[in-house]
């Protein structure tokens, strides 16, 4: 089970809003991607 599956499972168990959770995960991944790109450009 990967990290996103774990987040989804916790959200389901807590009756969370899966759409909101997906948006949060995507936002976090986008921010990480931007940081990695900047890091690569600095090398």
N, C-alpha and C. Protein backbone atom coordinates (compact mmCIF):
# COMPACT_ATOMS: atom_id res chain seq x y z
N UNK A 1 0.86 -1.18 0.00
CA UNK A 1 0.00 0.00 0.00
C UNK A 1 0.90 1.24 0.00
N UNK A 2 0.67 2.12 -0.95
CA UNK A 2 1.50 3.32 -0.99
C UNK A 2 0.90 4.42 -0.12
N UNK A 3 1.61 5.52 -0.04
CA UNK A 3 1.22 6.60 0.87
C UNK A 3 -0.16 7.17 0.54
N UNK A 4 -0.45 7.33 -0.74
CA UNK A 4 -1.75 7.89 -1.13
C UNK A 4 -2.88 6.94 -0.73
N UNK A 5 -2.67 5.62 -0.91
CA UNK A 5 -3.67 4.65 -0.47
C UNK A 5 -3.91 4.76 1.03
N UNK A 6 -2.85 4.98 1.79
CA UNK A 6 -3.00 5.12 3.24
C UNK A 6 -3.82 6.36 3.59
N UNK A 7 -3.54 7.47 2.90
CA UNK A 7 -4.33 8.69 3.12
C UNK A 7 -5.80 8.45 2.80
N UNK A 8 -6.06 7.76 1.69
CA UNK A 8 -7.43 7.49 1.28
C UNK A 8 -8.15 6.63 2.32
N UNK A 9 -7.46 5.62 2.83
CA UNK A 9 -8.04 4.72 3.82
C UNK A 9 -8.40 5.48 5.09
N UNK A 10 -7.50 6.32 5.56
CA UNK A 10 -7.76 7.12 6.76
C UNK A 10 -8.95 8.05 6.54
N UNK A 11 -9.00 8.68 5.37
CA UNK A 11 -10.11 9.59 5.07
C UNK A 11 -11.44 8.85 5.06
N UNK A 12 -11.45 7.65 4.47
CA UNK A 12 -12.69 6.87 4.44
C UNK A 12 -13.11 6.48 5.85
N UNK A 13 -12.15 6.08 6.66
CA UNK A 13 -12.47 5.66 8.03
C UNK A 13 -13.00 6.83 8.86
N UNK A 14 -12.56 8.03 8.52
CA UNK A 14 -13.00 9.22 9.26
C UNK A 14 -14.13 9.95 8.54
N UNK A 15 -14.74 9.29 7.56
CA UNK A 15 -15.80 9.90 6.76
C UNK A 15 -15.36 11.21 6.15
N UNK A 16 -14.10 11.26 5.75
CA UNK A 16 -13.54 12.47 5.17
C UNK A 16 -14.01 12.68 3.74
N UNK A 17 -13.78 13.88 3.25
CA UNK A 17 -14.12 14.24 1.88
C UNK A 17 -12.94 13.84 0.99
N UNK A 18 -13.14 12.79 0.20
CA UNK A 18 -12.04 12.27 -0.62
C UNK A 18 -11.60 13.25 -1.69
N UNK A 19 -12.54 14.02 -2.23
CA UNK A 19 -12.16 15.01 -3.25
C UNK A 19 -11.23 16.06 -2.66
N UNK A 20 -11.55 16.51 -1.46
CA UNK A 20 -10.69 17.50 -0.80
C UNK A 20 -9.32 16.90 -0.49
N UNK A 21 -9.33 15.65 -0.05
CA UNK A 21 -8.07 14.97 0.25
C UNK A 21 -7.21 14.84 -1.01
N UNK A 22 -7.84 14.46 -2.12
CA UNK A 22 -7.10 14.35 -3.39
C UNK A 22 -6.48 15.69 -3.77
N UNK A 23 -7.24 16.76 -3.61
CA UNK A 23 -6.72 18.09 -3.93
C UNK A 23 -5.52 18.44 -3.05
N UNK A 24 -5.60 18.09 -1.77
CA UNK A 24 -4.48 18.36 -0.85
C UNK A 24 -3.24 17.57 -1.26
N UNK A 25 -3.43 16.31 -1.63
CA UNK A 25 -2.30 15.48 -2.06
C UNK A 25 -1.69 16.03 -3.33
N UNK A 26 -2.52 16.39 -4.29
CA UNK A 26 -2.02 16.94 -5.56
C UNK A 26 -1.27 18.24 -5.31
N UNK A 27 -1.80 19.09 -4.46
CA UNK A 27 -1.12 20.36 -4.15
C UNK A 27 0.25 20.10 -3.53
N UNK A 28 0.32 19.15 -2.61
CA UNK A 28 1.59 18.83 -1.97
C UNK A 28 2.59 18.28 -2.99
N UNK A 29 2.11 17.42 -3.89
CA UNK A 29 2.99 16.87 -4.92
C UNK A 29 3.46 17.95 -5.88
N UNK A 30 2.58 18.87 -6.22
CA UNK A 30 2.98 19.96 -7.12
C UNK A 30 4.05 20.84 -6.47
N UNK A 31 3.88 21.13 -5.19
CA UNK A 31 4.88 21.93 -4.48
C UNK A 31 6.22 21.20 -4.42
N UNK A 32 6.17 19.90 -4.20
CA UNK A 32 7.41 19.11 -4.15
C UNK A 32 8.09 19.10 -5.52
N UNK A 33 7.29 18.97 -6.57
CA UNK A 33 7.84 18.98 -7.93
C UNK A 33 8.53 20.31 -8.23
N UNK A 34 7.89 21.40 -7.84
CA UNK A 34 8.49 22.73 -8.05
C UNK A 34 9.82 22.83 -7.30
N UNK A 35 9.84 22.35 -6.06
CA UNK A 35 11.06 22.40 -5.26
C UNK A 35 12.17 21.56 -5.90
N UNK A 36 11.81 20.39 -6.41
CA UNK A 36 12.81 19.54 -7.06
C UNK A 36 13.35 20.18 -8.33
N UNK A 37 12.49 20.81 -9.09
CA UNK A 37 12.94 21.50 -10.31
C UNK A 37 13.91 22.62 -9.97
N UNK A 38 13.58 23.40 -8.95
CA UNK A 38 14.46 24.49 -8.53
C UNK A 38 15.81 23.94 -8.06
N UNK A 39 15.75 22.84 -7.33
CA UNK A 39 16.97 22.21 -6.84
C UNK A 39 17.85 21.74 -8.01
N UNK A 40 17.23 21.16 -9.02
CA UNK A 40 17.98 20.69 -10.19
C UNK A 40 18.57 21.87 -10.96
N UNK A 41 17.86 22.97 -11.04
CA UNK A 41 18.35 24.14 -11.76
C UNK A 41 19.52 24.79 -11.04
N UNK A 42 19.60 24.61 -9.73
CA UNK A 42 20.69 25.20 -8.95
C UNK A 42 21.97 24.38 -9.03
N UNK A 43 21.87 23.16 -9.51
CA UNK A 43 23.06 22.28 -9.59
C UNK A 43 23.92 22.58 -10.77
